[in-house]
Amino acid sequence: MINELAQSNGATLAFEIIGKVSLEQQQAWIKKFDERIKQHEKISVMIIFGETATIGKPSVIYEDIKWIVKHFKRFNKIAVISGSTLWKFLITVDSYFAKMVGINEKHFQPTEAKVAWEWVSH
């Protein structure tokens, strides 16, 4: 499940992912991004991955990647919050490539949620 958090405001969005993400939830999520991109030249995003977060079916991953490839130039910052060492590793690697296309991407621990929000929203 993907929940938009109350602090989403303007060009900065915040979401929490808990449990399994269905294709329908992922499509609704993309719609929220599309709406903000229409209003703002660039957006920033904070994503909190809960301990039980899973992507689900390959179709969800495919749709996500397809959308990101088309819109990556519209991102300013991405903050990923997770206690998972796998997510920390993936974000560390991906942040190198993100910088090449002008995206600042950073991993935060769950205890750093306020710091992550401050970073992504400024």
PDB file of N, CA and C in Angstrom:
ATOM      1  N   MET A   1       0.835  -1.169   0.000  1.00  0.00           N
ATOM      2  CA  MET A   1       0.000   0.000   0.000  1.00  0.00           C
ATOM      3  C   MET A   1       0.885   1.239   0.000  1.00  0.00           C
ATOM      4  N   ILE A   2       0.486   2.253  -0.762  1.00  0.00           N
ATOM      5  CA  ILE A   2       1.206   3.518  -0.836  1.00  0.00           C
ATOM      6  C   ILE A   2       0.315   4.602  -0.234  1.00  0.00           C
ATOM      7  N   ASN A   3       0.819   5.270   0.790  1.00  0.00           N
ATOM      8  CA  ASN A   3       0.075   6.343   1.441  1.00  0.00           C
ATOM      9  C   ASN A   3       0.811   7.654   1.245  1.00  0.00           C
ATOM     10  N   GLU A   4       0.081   8.678   0.781  1.00  0.00           N
ATOM     11  CA  GLU A   4       0.687  10.007   0.723  1.00  0.00           C
ATOM     12  C   GLU A   4       0.637  10.603   2.121  1.00  0.00           C
ATOM     13  N   LEU A   5       1.734  11.178   2.550  1.00  0.00           N
ATOM     14  CA  LEU A   5       1.827  11.744   3.890  1.00  0.00           C
ATOM     15  C   LEU A   5       1.381  13.204   3.896  1.00  0.00           C
ATOM     16  N   ALA A   6       0.919  13.645   5.049  1.00  0.00           N
ATOM     17  CA  ALA A   6       0.344  14.981   5.197  1.00  0.00           C
ATOM     18  C   ALA A   6       1.321  16.104   4.852  1.00  0.00           C
ATOM     19  N   GLN A   7       2.617  15.885   5.020  1.00  0.00           N
ATOM     20  CA  GLN A   7       3.561  16.965   4.753  1.00  0.00           C
ATOM     21  C   GLN A   7       3.792  17.234   3.276  1.00  0.00           C
ATOM     22  N   SER A   8       3.246  16.414   2.375  1.00  0.00           N
ATOM     23  CA  SER A   8       3.346  16.719   0.943  1.00  0.00           C
ATOM     24  C   SER A   8       2.833  18.134   0.717  1.00  0.00           C
ATOM     25  N   ASN A   9       3.637  18.911  -0.025  1.00  0.00           N
ATOM     26  CA  ASN A   9       3.266  20.305  -0.211  1.00  0.00           C
ATOM     27  C   ASN A   9       3.975  20.852  -1.438  1.00  0.00           C
ATOM     28  N   GLY A  10       3.227  21.420  -2.339  1.00  0.00           N
ATOM     29  CA  GLY A  10       3.822  22.039  -3.521  1.00  0.00           C
ATOM     30  C   GLY A  10       4.606  21.043  -4.352  1.00  0.00           C
ATOM     31  N   ALA A  11       5.870  21.367  -4.582  1.00  0.00           N
ATOM     32  CA  ALA A  11       6.719  20.531  -5.427  1.00  0.00           C
ATOM     33  C   ALA A  11       7.405  19.415  -4.656  1.00  0.00           C
ATOM     34  N   THR A  12       7.063  19.243  -3.370  1.00  0.00           N
ATOM     35  CA  THR A  12       7.688  18.201  -2.561  1.00  0.00           C
ATOM     36  C   THR A  12       6.628  17.223  -2.080  1.00  0.00           C
ATOM     37  N   LEU A  13       6.831  15.965  -2.421  1.00  0.00           N
ATOM     38  CA  LEU A  13       5.882  14.909  -2.067  1.00  0.00           C
ATOM     39  C   LEU A  13       6.498  13.966  -1.052  1.00  0.00           C
ATOM     40  N   ALA A  14       5.641  13.379  -0.210  1.00  0.00           N
ATOM     41  CA  ALA A  14       6.094  12.403   0.778  1.00  0.00           C
ATOM     42  C   ALA A  14       5.140  11.219   0.783  1.00  0.00           C
ATOM     43  N   PHE A  15       5.707  10.009   0.745  1.00  0.00           N
ATOM     44  CA  PHE A  15       4.922   8.786   0.707  1.00  0.00           C
ATOM     45  C   PHE A  15       5.504   7.750   1.657  1.00  0.00           C
ATOM     46  N   GLU A  16       4.625   6.866   2.108  1.00  0.00           N
ATOM     47  CA  GLU A  16       5.055   5.705   2.879  1.00  0.00           C
ATOM     48  C   GLU A  16       4.539   4.472   2.166  1.00  0.00           C
ATOM     49  N   ILE A  17       5.420   3.502   1.998  1.00  0.00           N
ATOM     50  CA  ILE A  17       5.046   2.241   1.359  1.00  0.00           C
ATOM     51  C   ILE A  17       5.062   1.152   2.417  1.00  0.00           C
ATOM     52  N   ILE A  18       3.909   0.492   2.556  1.00  0.00           N
ATOM     53  CA  ILE A  18       3.741  -0.568   3.546  1.00  0.00           C
ATOM     54  C   ILE A  18       3.156  -1.785   2.838  1.00  0.00           C
ATOM     55  N   GLY A  19       3.742  -2.944   3.091  1.00  0.00           N
ATOM     56  CA  GLY A  19       3.211  -4.165   2.495  1.00  0.00           C
ATOM     57  C   GLY A  19       3.446  -4.229   0.995  1.00  0.00           C
ATOM     58  N   LYS A  20       2.591  -4.945   0.319  1.00  0.00           N
ATOM     59  CA  LYS A  20       2.729  -5.188  -1.113  1.00  0.00           C
ATOM     60  C   LYS A  20       2.045  -4.088  -1.920  1.00  0.00           C
ATOM     61  N   VAL A  21       2.709  -3.626  -2.974  1.00  0.00           N
ATOM     62  CA  VAL A  21       2.177  -2.596  -3.858  1.00  0.00           C
ATOM     63  C   VAL A  21       1.561  -3.263  -5.077  1.00  0.00           C
ATOM     64  N   SER A  22       0.283  -2.993  -5.303  1.00  0.00           N
ATOM     65  CA  SER A  22      -0.409  -3.545  -6.473  1.00  0.00           C
ATOM     66  C   SER A  22      -0.199  -2.630  -7.673  1.00  0.00           C
ATOM     67  N   LEU A  23      -0.492  -3.125  -8.850  1.00  0.00           N
ATOM     68  CA  LEU A  23      -0.382  -2.325 -10.068  1.00  0.00           C
ATOM     69  C   LEU A  23      -1.324  -1.124  -9.988  1.00  0.00           C
ATOM     70  N   GLU A  24      -2.511  -1.309  -9.446  1.00  0.00           N
ATOM     71  CA  GLU A  24      -3.480  -0.218  -9.324  1.00  0.00           C
ATOM     72  C   GLU A  24      -2.959   0.881  -8.394  1.00  0.00           C
ATOM     73  N   GLN A  25      -2.356   0.494  -7.284  1.00  0.00           N
ATOM     74  CA  GLN A  25      -1.786   1.477  -6.351  1.00  0.00           C
ATOM     75  C   GLN A  25      -0.630   2.226  -7.001  1.00  0.00           C
ATOM     76  N   GLN A  26       0.182   1.500  -7.727  1.00  0.00           N
ATOM     77  CA  GLN A  26       1.323   2.105  -8.393  1.00  0.00           C
ATOM     78  C   GLN A  26       0.849   3.093  -9.459  1.00  0.00           C
ATOM     79  N   GLN A  27      -0.205   2.762 -10.193  1.00  0.00           N
ATOM     80  CA  GLN A  27      -0.738   3.664 -11.217  1.00  0.00           C
ATOM     81  C   GLN A  27      -1.322   4.928 -10.589  1.00  0.00           C
ATOM     82  N   ALA A  28      -1.984   4.795  -9.444  1.00  0.00           N
ATOM     83  CA  ALA A  28      -2.513   5.968  -8.732  1.00  0.00           C
ATOM     84  C   ALA A  28      -1.364   6.845  -8.246  1.00  0.00           C
ATOM     85  N   TRP A  29      -0.273   6.205  -7.804  1.00  0.00           N
ATOM     86  CA  TRP A  29       0.919   6.922  -7.358  1.00  0.00           C
ATOM     87  C   TRP A  29       1.512   7.740  -8.500  1.00  0.00           C
ATOM     88  N   ILE A  30       1.645   7.123  -9.647  1.00  0.00           N
ATOM     89  CA  ILE A  30       2.179   7.807 -10.827  1.00  0.00           C
ATOM     90  C   ILE A  30       1.286   8.986 -11.205  1.00  0.00           C
ATOM     91  N   LYS A  31      -0.013   8.817 -11.068  1.00  0.00           N
ATOM     92  CA  LYS A  31      -0.935   9.907 -11.379  1.00  0.00           C
ATOM     93  C   LYS A  31      -0.662  11.118 -10.481  1.00  0.00           C
ATOM     94  N   LYS A  32      -0.371  10.885  -9.204  1.00  0.00           N
ATOM     95  CA  LYS A  32      -0.042  11.987  -8.293  1.00  0.00           C
ATOM     96  C   LYS A  32       1.235  12.697  -8.744  1.00  0.00           C
ATOM     97  N   PHE A  33       2.222  11.921  -9.180  1.00  0.00           N
ATOM     98  CA  PHE A  33       3.454  12.523  -9.692  1.00  0.00           C
ATOM     99  C   PHE A  33       3.156  13.348 -10.941  1.00  0.00           C
ATOM    100  N   ASP A  34       2.367  12.794 -11.849  1.00  0.00           N
ATOM    101  CA  ASP A  34       2.019  13.503 -13.082  1.00  0.00           C
ATOM    102  C   ASP A  34       1.332  14.833 -12.787  1.00  0.00           C
ATOM    103  N   GLU A  35       0.433  14.840 -11.808  1.00  0.00           N
ATOM    104  CA  GLU A  35      -0.266  16.073 -11.440  1.00  0.00           C
ATOM    105  C   GLU A  35       0.710  17.130 -10.938  1.00  0.00           C
ATOM    106  N   ARG A  36       1.661  16.734 -10.115  1.00  0.00           N
ATOM    107  CA  ARG A  36       2.632  17.700  -9.576  1.00  0.00           C
ATOM    108  C   ARG A  36       3.587  18.187 -10.660  1.00  0.00           C
ATOM    109  N   ILE A  37       3.966  17.297 -11.562  1.00  0.00           N
ATOM    110  CA  ILE A  37       4.871  17.683 -12.645  1.00  0.00           C
ATOM    111  C   ILE A  37       4.204  18.712 -13.561  1.00  0.00           C
ATOM    112  N   LYS A  38       2.901  18.622 -13.722  1.00  0.00           N
ATOM    113  CA  LYS A  38       2.188  19.622 -14.528  1.00  0.00           C
ATOM    114  C   LYS A  38       2.242  20.994 -13.864  1.00  0.00           C
ATOM    115  N   GLN A  39       2.330  21.030 -12.539  1.00  0.00           N
ATOM    116  CA  GLN A  39       2.310  22.277 -11.783  1.00  0.00           C
ATOM    117  C   GLN A  39       3.703  22.843 -11.513  1.00  0.00           C
ATOM    118  N   HIS A  40       4.719  21.991 -11.510  1.00  0.00           N
ATOM    119  CA  HIS A  40       6.063  22.412 -11.119  1.00  0.00           C
ATOM    120  C   HIS A  40       7.088  21.875 -12.115  1.00  0.00           C
ATOM    121  N   GLU A  41       8.093  22.681 -12.384  1.00  0.00           N
ATOM    122  CA  GLU A  41       9.137  22.268 -13.316  1.00  0.00           C
ATOM    123  C   GLU A  41       9.878  21.034 -12.806  1.00  0.00           C
ATOM    124  N   LYS A  42      10.197  21.036 -11.504  1.00  0.00           N
ATOM    125  CA  LYS A  42      10.880  19.899 -10.881  1.00  0.00           C
ATOM    126  C   LYS A  42      10.193  19.577  -9.570  1.00  0.00           C
ATOM    127  N   ILE A  43      10.239  18.295  -9.209  1.00  0.00           N
ATOM    128  CA  ILE A  43       9.664  17.866  -7.943  1.00  0.00           C
ATOM    129  C   ILE A  43      10.719  17.133  -7.118  1.00  0.00           C
ATOM    130  N   SER A  44      10.478  17.098  -5.819  1.00  0.00           N
ATOM    131  CA  SER A  44      11.313  16.329  -4.897  1.00  0.00           C
ATOM    132  C   SER A  44      10.409  15.351  -4.163  1.00  0.00           C
ATOM    133  N   VAL A  45      10.977  14.204  -3.779  1.00  0.00           N
ATOM    134  CA  VAL A  45      10.161  13.141  -3.190  1.00  0.00           C
ATOM    135  C   VAL A  45      10.879  12.517  -2.004  1.00  0.00           C
ATOM    136  N   MET A  46      10.111  12.281  -0.940  1.00  0.00           N
ATOM    137  CA  MET A  46      10.590  11.496   0.190  1.00  0.00           C
ATOM    138  C   MET A  46       9.746  10.228   0.230  1.00  0.00           C
ATOM    139  N   ILE A  47      10.414   9.085   0.270  1.00  0.00           N
ATOM    140  CA  ILE A  47       9.724   7.791   0.309  1.00  0.00           C
ATOM    141  C   ILE A  47      10.190   7.033   1.538  1.00  0.00           C
ATOM    142  N   ILE A  48       9.229   6.630   2.353  1.00  0.00           N
ATOM    143  CA  ILE A  48       9.527   5.806   3.523  1.00  0.00           C
ATOM    144  C   ILE A  48       9.119   4.380   3.189  1.00  0.00           C
ATOM    145  N   PHE A  49      10.087   3.476   3.200  1.00  0.00           N
ATOM    146  CA  PHE A  49       9.802   2.064   2.985  1.00  0.00           C
ATOM    147  C   PHE A  49       9.631   1.394   4.340  1.00  0.00           C
ATOM    148  N   GLY A  50       8.399   0.938   4.621  1.00  0.00           N
ATOM    149  CA  GLY A  50       8.153   0.199   5.850  1.00  0.00           C
ATOM    150  C   GLY A  50       8.861  -1.148   5.801  1.00  0.00           C
ATOM    151  N   GLU A  51       8.980  -1.797   6.937  1.00  0.00           N
ATOM    152  CA  GLU A  51       9.683  -3.076   7.017  1.00  0.00           C
ATOM    153  C   GLU A  51       9.065  -4.142   6.126  1.00  0.00           C
ATOM    154  N   THR A  52       7.760  -4.040   5.881  1.00  0.00           N
ATOM    155  CA  THR A  52       7.068  -5.068   5.093  1.00  0.00           C
ATOM    156  C   THR A  52       6.867  -4.661   3.639  1.00  0.00           C
ATOM    157  N   ALA A  53       7.482  -3.564   3.201  1.00  0.00           N
ATOM    158  CA  ALA A  53       7.277  -3.065   1.839  1.00  0.00           C
ATOM    159  C   ALA A  53       7.844  -4.023   0.802  1.00  0.00           C
ATOM    160  N   THR A  54       7.008  -4.354  -0.184  1.00  0.00           N
ATOM    161  CA  THR A  54       7.443  -5.152  -1.331  1.00  0.00           C
ATOM    162  C   THR A  54       6.840  -4.551  -2.584  1.00  0.00           C
ATOM    163  N   ILE A  55       7.549  -4.688  -3.671  1.00  0.00           N
ATOM    164  CA  ILE A  55       7.105  -4.108  -4.929  1.00  0.00           C
ATOM    165  C   ILE A  55       5.972  -4.909  -5.563  1.00  0.00           C
ATOM    166  N   GLY A  56       5.987  -6.193  -5.414  1.00  0.00           N
ATOM    167  CA  GLY A  56       4.908  -6.995  -5.989  1.00  0.00           C
ATOM    168  C   GLY A  56       5.291  -7.599  -7.324  1.00  0.00           C
ATOM    169  N   LYS A  57       4.343  -7.584  -8.233  1.00  0.00           N
ATOM    170  CA  LYS A  57       4.508  -8.237  -9.532  1.00  0.00           C
ATOM    171  C   LYS A  57       5.500  -7.511 -10.428  1.00  0.00           C
ATOM    172  N   PRO A  58       6.100  -8.243 -11.364  1.00  0.00           N
ATOM    173  CA  PRO A  58       7.010  -7.600 -12.327  1.00  0.00           C
ATOM    174  C   PRO A  58       6.348  -6.471 -13.122  1.00  0.00           C
ATOM    175  N   SER A  59       5.039  -6.554 -13.340  1.00  0.00           N
ATOM    176  CA  SER A  59       4.350  -5.498 -14.083  1.00  0.00           C
ATOM    177  C   SER A  59       4.416  -4.170 -13.342  1.00  0.00           C
ATOM    178  N   VAL A  60       4.421  -4.206 -12.019  1.00  0.00           N
ATOM    179  CA  VAL A  60       4.536  -2.989 -11.217  1.00  0.00           C
ATOM    180  C   VAL A  60       5.921  -2.386 -11.414  1.00  0.00           C
ATOM    181  N   ILE A  61       6.941  -3.210 -11.361  1.00  0.00           N
ATOM    182  CA  ILE A  61       8.319  -2.745 -11.554  1.00  0.00           C
ATOM    183  C   ILE A  61       8.492  -2.178 -12.963  1.00  0.00           C
ATOM    184  N   TYR A  62       7.951  -2.857 -13.950  1.00  0.00           N
ATOM    185  CA  TYR A  62       8.060  -2.400 -15.335  1.00  0.00           C
ATOM    186  C   TYR A  62       7.415  -1.024 -15.520  1.00  0.00           C
ATOM    187  N   GLU A  63       6.208  -0.842 -15.012  1.00  0.00           N
ATOM    188  CA  GLU A  63       5.513   0.441 -15.147  1.00  0.00           C
ATOM    189  C   GLU A  63       6.281   1.552 -14.450  1.00  0.00           C
ATOM    190  N   ASP A  64       6.849   1.243 -13.296  1.00  0.00           N
ATOM    191  CA  ASP A  64       7.615   2.219 -12.536  1.00  0.00           C
ATOM    192  C   ASP A  64       8.849   2.647 -13.320  1.00  0.00           C
ATOM    193  N   ILE A  65       9.596   1.706 -13.820  1.00  0.00           N
ATOM    194  CA  ILE A  65      10.814   2.003 -14.581  1.00  0.00           C
ATOM    195  C   ILE A  65      10.484   2.780 -15.849  1.00  0.00           C
ATOM    196  N   LYS A  66       9.439   2.375 -16.533  1.00  0.00           N
ATOM    197  CA  LYS A  66       9.023   3.051 -17.766  1.00  0.00           C
ATOM    198  C   LYS A  66       8.711   4.526 -17.490  1.00  0.00           C
ATOM    199  N   TRP A  67       8.002   4.793 -16.398  1.00  0.00           N
ATOM    200  CA  TRP A  67       7.643   6.165 -16.056  1.00  0.00           C
ATOM    201  C   TRP A  67       8.883   6.965 -15.653  1.00  0.00           C
ATOM    202  N   ILE A  68       9.754   6.372 -14.852  1.00  0.00           N
ATOM    203  CA  ILE A  68      10.960   7.069 -14.394  1.00  0.00           C
ATOM    204  C   ILE A  68      11.855   7.450 -15.570  1.00  0.00           C
ATOM    205  N   VAL A  69      12.046   6.557 -16.511  1.00  0.00           N
ATOM    206  CA  VAL A  69      12.901   6.845 -17.666  1.00  0.00           C
ATOM    207  C   VAL A  69      12.359   8.050 -18.441  1.00  0.00           C
ATOM    208  N   LYS A  70      11.059   8.142 -18.527  1.00  0.00           N
ATOM    209  CA  LYS A  70      10.432   9.241 -19.260  1.00  0.00           C
ATOM    210  C   LYS A  70      10.510  10.577 -18.509  1.00  0.00           C
ATOM    211  N   HIS A  71      10.527  10.541 -17.170  1.00  0.00           N
ATOM    212  CA  HIS A  71      10.409  11.765 -16.374  1.00  0.00           C
ATOM    213  C   HIS A  71      11.602  12.085 -15.473  1.00  0.00           C
ATOM    214  N   PHE A  72      12.702  11.373 -15.575  1.00  0.00           N
ATOM    215  CA  PHE A  72      13.792  11.563 -14.615  1.00  0.00           C
ATOM    216  C   PHE A  72      14.304  12.995 -14.575  1.00  0.00           C
ATOM    217  N   LYS A  73      14.219  13.734 -15.651  1.00  0.00           N
ATOM    218  CA  LYS A  73      14.721  15.111 -15.679  1.00  0.00           C
ATOM    219  C   LYS A  73      13.847  16.054 -14.851  1.00  0.00           C
ATOM    220  N   ARG A  74      12.703  15.580 -14.401  1.00  0.00           N
ATOM    221  CA  ARG A  74      11.779  16.418 -13.634  1.00  0.00           C
ATOM    222  C   ARG A  74      11.979  16.279 -12.121  1.00  0.00           C
ATOM    223  N   PHE A  75      12.967  15.477 -11.712  1.00  0.00           N
ATOM    224  CA  PHE A  75      13.235  15.278 -10.285  1.00  0.00           C
ATOM    225  C   PHE A  75      14.390  16.161  -9.827  1.00  0.00           C
ATOM    226  N   ASN A  76      14.244  16.724  -8.643  1.00  0.00           N
ATOM    227  CA  ASN A  76      15.295  17.508  -8.023  1.00  0.00           C
ATOM    228  C   ASN A  76      16.004  16.671  -6.962  1.00  0.00           C
ATOM    229  N   LYS A  77      15.248  16.249  -5.928  1.00  0.00           N
ATOM    230  CA  LYS A  77      15.811  15.445  -4.849  1.00  0.00           C
ATOM    231  C   LYS A  77      14.919  14.243  -4.570  1.00  0.00           C
ATOM    232  N   ILE A  78      15.563  13.152  -4.148  1.00  0.00           N
ATOM    233  CA  ILE A  78      14.851  11.955  -3.719  1.00  0.00           C
ATOM    234  C   ILE A  78      15.474  11.494  -2.409  1.00  0.00           C
ATOM    235  N   ALA A  79      14.647  11.451  -1.367  1.00  0.00           N
ATOM    236  CA  ALA A  79      15.085  10.946  -0.065  1.00  0.00           C
ATOM    237  C   ALA A  79      14.405   9.609   0.158  1.00  0.00           C
ATOM    238  N   VAL A  80      15.191   8.583   0.420  1.00  0.00           N
ATOM    239  CA  VAL A  80      14.654   7.253   0.676  1.00  0.00           C
ATOM    240  C   VAL A  80      14.960   6.894   2.120  1.00  0.00           C
ATOM    241  N   ILE A  81      13.903   6.580   2.864  1.00  0.00           N
ATOM    242  CA  ILE A  81      14.049   6.213   4.267  1.00  0.00           C
ATOM    243  C   ILE A  81      13.760   4.726   4.405  1.00  0.00           C
ATOM    244  N   SER A  82      14.744   4.004   4.942  1.00  0.00           N
ATOM    245  CA  SER A  82      14.591   2.563   5.125  1.00  0.00           C
ATOM    246  C   SER A  82      15.661   2.063   6.087  1.00  0.00           C
ATOM    247  N   GLY A  83      15.282   1.095   6.876  1.00  0.00           N
ATOM    248  CA  GLY A  83      16.242   0.445   7.756  1.00  0.00           C
ATOM    249  C   GLY A  83      16.953  -0.703   7.079  1.00  0.00           C
ATOM    250  N   SER A  84      16.601  -0.986   5.845  1.00  0.00           N
ATOM    251  CA  SER A  84      17.164  -2.110   5.100  1.00  0.00           C
ATOM    252  C   SER A  84      18.570  -1.785   4.581  1.00  0.00           C
ATOM    253  N   THR A  85      19.503  -2.690   4.821  1.00  0.00           N
ATOM    254  CA  THR A  85      20.847  -2.505   4.283  1.00  0.00           C
ATOM    255  C   THR A  85      20.852  -2.637   2.761  1.00  0.00           C
ATOM    256  N   LEU A  86      19.918  -3.416   2.210  1.00  0.00           N
ATOM    257  CA  LEU A  86      19.809  -3.531   0.753  1.00  0.00           C
ATOM    258  C   LEU A  86      19.413  -2.191   0.140  1.00  0.00           C
ATOM    259  N   TRP A  87      18.387  -1.527   0.692  1.00  0.00           N
ATOM    260  CA  TRP A  87      17.980  -0.224   0.172  1.00  0.00           C
ATOM    261  C   TRP A  87      19.110   0.787   0.320  1.00  0.00           C
ATOM    262  N   LYS A  88      19.813   0.743   1.431  1.00  0.00           N
ATOM    263  CA  LYS A  88      20.927   1.674   1.627  1.00  0.00           C
ATOM    264  C   LYS A  88      21.975   1.471   0.534  1.00  0.00           C
ATOM    265  N   PHE A  89      22.307   0.226   0.245  1.00  0.00           N
ATOM    266  CA  PHE A  89      23.275  -0.079  -0.796  1.00  0.00           C
ATOM    267  C   PHE A  89      22.768   0.389  -2.167  1.00  0.00           C
ATOM    268  N   LEU A  90      21.512   0.059  -2.481  1.00  0.00           N
ATOM    269  CA  LEU A  90      20.957   0.432  -3.790  1.00  0.00           C
ATOM    270  C   LEU A  90      20.933   1.941  -3.994  1.00  0.00           C
ATOM    271  N   ILE A  91      20.561   2.675  -2.970  1.00  0.00           N
ATOM    272  CA  ILE A  91      20.510   4.131  -3.084  1.00  0.00           C
ATOM    273  C   ILE A  91      21.918   4.716  -3.182  1.00  0.00           C
ATOM    274  N   THR A  92      22.854   4.152  -2.456  1.00  0.00           N
ATOM    275  CA  THR A  92      24.243   4.609  -2.539  1.00  0.00           C
ATOM    276  C   THR A  92      24.767   4.456  -3.965  1.00  0.00           C
ATOM    277  N   VAL A  93      24.506   3.323  -4.575  1.00  0.00           N
ATOM    278  CA  VAL A  93      24.944   3.085  -5.959  1.00  0.00           C
ATOM    279  C   VAL A  93      24.180   3.979  -6.925  1.00  0.00           C
ATOM    280  N   ASP A  94      22.846   4.011  -6.782  1.00  0.00           N
ATOM    281  CA  ASP A  94      22.014   4.772  -7.705  1.00  0.00           C
ATOM    282  C   ASP A  94      22.283   6.267  -7.617  1.00  0.00           C
ATOM    283  N   SER A  95      22.620   6.769  -6.434  1.00  0.00           N
ATOM    284  CA  SER A  95      22.839   8.213  -6.282  1.00  0.00           C
ATOM    285  C   SER A  95      23.990   8.699  -7.170  1.00  0.00           C
ATOM    286  N   TYR A  96      24.953   7.843  -7.418  1.00  0.00           N
ATOM    287  CA  TYR A  96      26.055   8.190  -8.312  1.00  0.00           C
ATOM    288  C   TYR A  96      25.523   8.478  -9.719  1.00  0.00           C
ATOM    289  N   PHE A  97      24.661   7.603 -10.217  1.00  0.00           N
ATOM    290  CA  PHE A  97      24.097   7.772 -11.556  1.00  0.00           C
ATOM    291  C   PHE A  97      23.064   8.900 -11.583  1.00  0.00           C
ATOM    292  N   ALA A  98      22.322   9.057 -10.493  1.00  0.00           N
ATOM    293  CA  ALA A  98      21.330  10.130 -10.410  1.00  0.00           C
ATOM    294  C   ALA A  98      22.010  11.499 -10.547  1.00  0.00           C
ATOM    295  N   LYS A  99      23.165  11.654  -9.927  1.00  0.00           N
ATOM    296  CA  LYS A  99      23.897  12.925 -10.017  1.00  0.00           C
ATOM    297  C   LYS A  99      24.236  13.264 -11.459  1.00  0.00           C
ATOM    298  N   MET A 100      24.479  12.244 -12.266  1.00  0.00           N
ATOM    299  CA  MET A 100      24.823  12.469 -13.669  1.00  0.00           C
ATOM    300  C   MET A 100      23.690  13.132 -14.443  1.00  0.00           C
ATOM    301  N   VAL A 101      22.461  12.945 -13.967  1.00  0.00           N
ATOM    302  CA  VAL A 101      21.299  13.534 -14.648  1.00  0.00           C
ATOM    303  C   VAL A 101      20.668  14.646 -13.810  1.00  0.00           C
ATOM    304  N   GLY A 102      21.405  15.122 -12.792  1.00  0.00           N
ATOM    305  CA  GLY A 102      20.956  16.264 -12.023  1.00  0.00           C
ATOM    306  C   GLY A 102      20.021  15.989 -10.861  1.00  0.00           C
ATOM    307  N   ILE A 103      19.969  14.742 -10.397  1.00  0.00           N
ATOM    308  CA  ILE A 103      19.108  14.387  -9.271  1.00  0.00           C
ATOM    309  C   ILE A 103      19.979  14.166  -8.035  1.00  0.00           C
ATOM    310  N   ASN A 104      19.603  14.796  -6.929  1.00  0.00           N
ATOM    311  CA  ASN A 104      20.243  14.532  -5.642  1.00  0.00           C
ATOM    312  C   ASN A 104      19.437  13.442  -4.957  1.00  0.00           C
ATOM    313  N   GLU A 105      20.084  12.343  -4.644  1.00  0.00           N
ATOM    314  CA  GLU A 105      19.399  11.204  -4.036  1.00  0.00           C
ATOM    315  C   GLU A 105      20.179  10.766  -2.802  1.00  0.00           C
ATOM    316  N   LYS A 106      19.449  10.511  -1.722  1.00  0.00           N
ATOM    317  CA  LYS A 106      20.121  10.197  -0.470  1.00  0.00           C
ATOM    318  C   LYS A 106      19.298   9.198   0.343  1.00  0.00           C
ATOM    319  N   HIS A 107      19.998   8.304   1.042  1.00  0.00           N
ATOM    320  CA  HIS A 107      19.364   7.329   1.929  1.00  0.00           C
ATOM    321  C   HIS A 107      19.401   7.840   3.362  1.00  0.00           C
ATOM    322  N   PHE A 108      18.314   7.579   4.091  1.00  0.00           N
ATOM    323  CA  PHE A 108      18.225   7.938   5.507  1.00  0.00           C
ATOM    324  C   PHE A 108      17.705   6.743   6.291  1.00  0.00           C
ATOM    325  N   GLN A 109      18.098   6.645   7.540  1.00  0.00           N
ATOM    326  CA  GLN A 109      17.566   5.625   8.447  1.00  0.00           C
ATOM    327  C   GLN A 109      16.193   6.084   8.952  1.00  0.00           C
ATOM    328  N   PRO A 110      15.347   5.151   9.391  1.00  0.00           N
ATOM    329  CA  PRO A 110      14.021   5.532   9.898  1.00  0.00           C
ATOM    330  C   PRO A 110      14.068   6.572  11.018  1.00  0.00           C
ATOM    331  N   THR A 111      15.095   6.572  11.822  1.00  0.00           N
ATOM    332  CA  THR A 111      15.213   7.552  12.910  1.00  0.00           C
ATOM    333  C   THR A 111      15.550   8.955  12.396  1.00  0.00           C
ATOM    334  N   GLU A 112      15.847   9.070  11.103  1.00  0.00           N
ATOM    335  CA  GLU A 112      16.237  10.353  10.514  1.00  0.00           C
ATOM    336  C   GLU A 112      15.142  10.969   9.644  1.00  0.00           C
ATOM    337  N   ALA A 113      13.886  10.588   9.872  1.00  0.00           N
ATOM    338  CA  ALA A 113      12.789  11.053   9.016  1.00  0.00           C
ATOM    339  C   ALA A 113      12.684  12.578   8.977  1.00  0.00           C
ATOM    340  N   LYS A 114      12.833  13.239  10.117  1.00  0.00           N
ATOM    341  CA  LYS A 114      12.748  14.705  10.138  1.00  0.00           C
ATOM    342  C   LYS A 114      13.906  15.329   9.360  1.00  0.00           C
ATOM    343  N   VAL A 115      15.072  14.772   9.527  1.00  0.00           N
ATOM    344  CA  VAL A 115      16.245  15.256   8.793  1.00  0.00           C
ATOM    345  C   VAL A 115      16.042  15.052   7.287  1.00  0.00           C
ATOM    346  N   ALA A 116      15.495  13.907   6.915  1.00  0.00           N
ATOM    347  CA  ALA A 116      15.228  13.616   5.499  1.00  0.00           C
ATOM    348  C   ALA A 116      14.251  14.624   4.912  1.00  0.00           C
ATOM    349  N   TRP A 117      13.182  14.920   5.655  1.00  0.00           N
ATOM    350  CA  TRP A 117      12.199  15.875   5.164  1.00  0.00           C
ATOM    351  C   TRP A 117      12.821  17.268   5.008  1.00  0.00           C
ATOM    352  N   GLU A 118      13.615  17.688   5.971  1.00  0.00           N
ATOM    353  CA  GLU A 118      14.291  18.982   5.872  1.00  0.00           C
ATOM    354  C   GLU A 118      15.193  19.022   4.641  1.00  0.00           C
ATOM    355  N   TRP A 119      15.927  17.960   4.419  1.00  0.00           N
ATOM    356  CA  TRP A 119      16.838  17.901   3.283  1.00  0.00           C
ATOM    357  C   TRP A 119      16.078  17.945   1.962  1.00  0.00           C
ATOM    358  N   VAL A 120      15.045  17.122   1.827  1.00  0.00           N
ATOM    359  CA  VAL A 120      14.354  17.012   0.545  1.00  0.00           C
ATOM    360  C   VAL A 120      13.488  18.252   0.241  1.00  0.00           C
ATOM    361  N   SER A 121      13.037  18.928   1.281  1.00  0.00           N
ATOM    362  CA  SER A 121      12.126  20.046   1.056  1.00  0.00           C
ATOM    363  C   SER A 121      12.837  21.400   0.947  1.00  0.00           C
ATOM    364  N   HIS A 122      14.160  21.415   1.046  1.00  0.00           N
ATOM    365  CA  HIS A 122      14.909  22.683   0.909  1.00  0.00           C
ATOM    366  C   HIS A 122      15.971  22.587  -0.151  1.00  0.00           C
TER     367      HIS A 122
END
